[in-house]
Amino acid sequence: MLIMIFLVGALLGMLTGAIVCMRYFRQEMTANVAPKLKLIQLHLDNLESEVNLALATRTVDRQRYDGGDRGQPEN
């Protein structure tokens, strides 16, 4: 009976230790990844702005080249 009590106590201790370890591990992982994600988001925002500028410039240039009458009904 004494051995059974010792084994149950040891299993509960191991379970509690694993829970604490996993909680700490998850906190450290998210703290380590967050700055990298912000940097990647900044790069993506810059890329999106550059693509939008290129598309807008191309659209304006095409309208100037075509005479700007695209979509106008002909009489």
C-alpha atoms as a PDB file:
ATOM      1  CA  MET A   1       0.000   0.000   0.000  1.00  0.00           C
ATOM      2  CA  LEU A   2       2.851   2.347   0.809  1.00  0.00           C
ATOM      3  CA  ILE A   3       4.413   1.738  -2.589  1.00  0.00           C
ATOM      4  CA  MET A   4       1.110   2.549  -4.321  1.00  0.00           C
ATOM      5  CA  ILE A   5       0.847   5.887  -2.457  1.00  0.00           C
ATOM      6  CA  PHE A   6       4.433   6.699  -3.418  1.00  0.00           C
ATOM      7  CA  LEU A   7       3.788   5.871  -7.095  1.00  0.00           C
ATOM      8  CA  VAL A   8       0.604   7.973  -7.225  1.00  0.00           C
ATOM      9  CA  GLY A   9       2.460  10.904  -5.628  1.00  0.00           C
ATOM     10  CA  ALA A  10       5.331  10.539  -8.084  1.00  0.00           C
ATOM     11  CA  LEU A  11       2.949  10.444 -11.050  1.00  0.00           C
ATOM     12  CA  LEU A  12       1.097  13.539  -9.842  1.00  0.00           C
ATOM     13  CA  GLY A  13       4.418  15.329  -9.338  1.00  0.00           C
ATOM     14  CA  MET A  14       5.562  14.426 -12.831  1.00  0.00           C
ATOM     15  CA  LEU A  15       2.251  15.574 -14.300  1.00  0.00           C
ATOM     16  CA  THR A  16       2.423  18.901 -12.460  1.00  0.00           C
ATOM     17  CA  GLY A  17       6.026  19.395 -13.553  1.00  0.00           C
ATOM     18  CA  ALA A  18       5.139  18.668 -17.174  1.00  0.00           C
ATOM     19  CA  ILE A  19       2.266  21.167 -17.083  1.00  0.00           C
ATOM     20  CA  VAL A  20       4.491  23.901 -15.638  1.00  0.00           C
ATOM     21  CA  CYS A  21       7.239  23.105 -18.147  1.00  0.00           C
ATOM     22  CA  MET A  22       4.865  23.243 -21.123  1.00  0.00           C
ATOM     23  CA  ARG A  23       3.345  26.528 -19.953  1.00  0.00           C
ATOM     24  CA  TYR A  24       6.808  28.094 -19.616  1.00  0.00           C
ATOM     25  CA  PHE A  25       7.900  26.649 -22.965  1.00  0.00           C
ATOM     26  CA  ARG A  26       4.859  28.093 -24.751  1.00  0.00           C
ATOM     27  CA  GLN A  27       5.437  31.539 -23.222  1.00  0.00           C
ATOM     28  CA  GLU A  28       9.062  31.543 -24.331  1.00  0.00           C
ATOM     29  CA  MET A  29       8.191  30.392 -27.840  1.00  0.00           C
ATOM     30  CA  THR A  30       5.615  33.145 -28.363  1.00  0.00           C
ATOM     31  CA  ALA A  31       7.969  35.762 -26.893  1.00  0.00           C
ATOM     32  CA  ASN A  32      10.690  34.638 -29.306  1.00  0.00           C
ATOM     33  CA  VAL A  33       8.478  34.558 -32.410  1.00  0.00           C
ATOM     34  CA  ALA A  34       6.527  37.808 -31.955  1.00  0.00           C
ATOM     35  CA  PRO A  35       9.314  40.258 -32.967  1.00  0.00           C
ATOM     36  CA  LYS A  36      10.101  38.208 -36.065  1.00  0.00           C
ATOM     37  CA  LEU A  37       6.436  38.214 -37.086  1.00  0.00           C
ATOM     38  CA  LYS A  38       6.265  42.010 -36.721  1.00  0.00           C
ATOM     39  CA  LEU A  39       9.337  42.383 -38.925  1.00  0.00           C
ATOM     40  CA  ILE A  40       7.856  40.080 -41.570  1.00  0.00           C
ATOM     41  CA  GLN A  41       4.588  42.047 -41.456  1.00  0.00           C
ATOM     42  CA  LEU A  42       6.494  45.295 -42.057  1.00  0.00           C
ATOM     43  CA  HIS A  43       8.238  43.759 -45.072  1.00  0.00           C
ATOM     44  CA  LEU A  44       4.910  42.556 -46.467  1.00  0.00           C
ATOM     45  CA  ASP A  45       3.346  45.991 -46.003  1.00  0.00           C
ATOM     46  CA  ASN A  46       6.255  47.621 -47.859  1.00  0.00           C
ATOM     47  CA  LEU A  47       5.971  45.101 -50.677  1.00  0.00           C
ATOM     48  CA  GLU A  48       2.226  45.690 -50.958  1.00  0.00           C
ATOM     49  CA  SER A  49       2.766  49.453 -51.163  1.00  0.00           C
ATOM     50  CA  GLU A  50       5.374  49.045 -53.891  1.00  0.00           C
ATOM     51  CA  VAL A  51       3.112  46.776 -55.938  1.00  0.00           C
ATOM     52  CA  ASN A  52       0.176  49.168 -55.575  1.00  0.00           C
ATOM     53  CA  LEU A  53       2.360  52.081 -56.685  1.00  0.00           C
ATOM     54  CA  ALA A  54       3.619  50.132 -59.691  1.00  0.00           C
ATOM     55  CA  LEU A  55       0.081  49.158 -60.718  1.00  0.00           C
ATOM     56  CA  ALA A  56      -1.212  52.698 -60.327  1.00  0.00           C
ATOM     57  CA  THR A  57       1.681  54.090 -62.359  1.00  0.00           C
ATOM     58  CA  ARG A  58       1.154  51.507 -65.074  1.00  0.00           C
ATOM     59  CA  THR A  59      -2.575  52.266 -65.232  1.00  0.00           C
ATOM     60  CA  VAL A  60      -1.961  56.005 -65.576  1.00  0.00           C
ATOM     61  CA  ASP A  61       0.666  55.423 -68.279  1.00  0.00           C
ATOM     62  CA  ARG A  62      -1.676  53.162 -70.255  1.00  0.00           C
ATOM     63  CA  GLN A  63      -4.471  55.707 -70.055  1.00  0.00           C
ATOM     64  CA  ARG A  64      -2.151  58.415 -71.344  1.00  0.00           C
ATOM     65  CA  TYR A  65      -0.909  56.178 -74.163  1.00  0.00           C
ATOM     66  CA  ASP A  66      -4.442  55.141 -75.148  1.00  0.00           C
ATOM     67  CA  GLY A  67      -5.612  58.739 -75.150  1.00  0.00           C
ATOM     68  CA  GLY A  68      -7.569  58.414 -71.945  1.00  0.00           C
ATOM     69  CA  ASP A  69     -10.803  57.481 -73.697  1.00  0.00           C
ATOM     70  CA  ARG A  70     -11.044  53.906 -72.551  1.00  0.00           C
ATOM     71  CA  GLY A  71     -14.589  52.993 -71.633  1.00  0.00           C
ATOM     72  CA  GLN A  72     -16.109  55.992 -73.394  1.00  0.00           C
ATOM     73  CA  PRO A  73     -19.091  55.207 -75.619  1.00  0.00           C
ATOM     74  CA  GLU A  74     -18.584  56.018 -79.287  1.00  0.00           C
ATOM     75  CA  ASN A  75     -21.235  58.099 -81.096  1.00  0.00           C
END
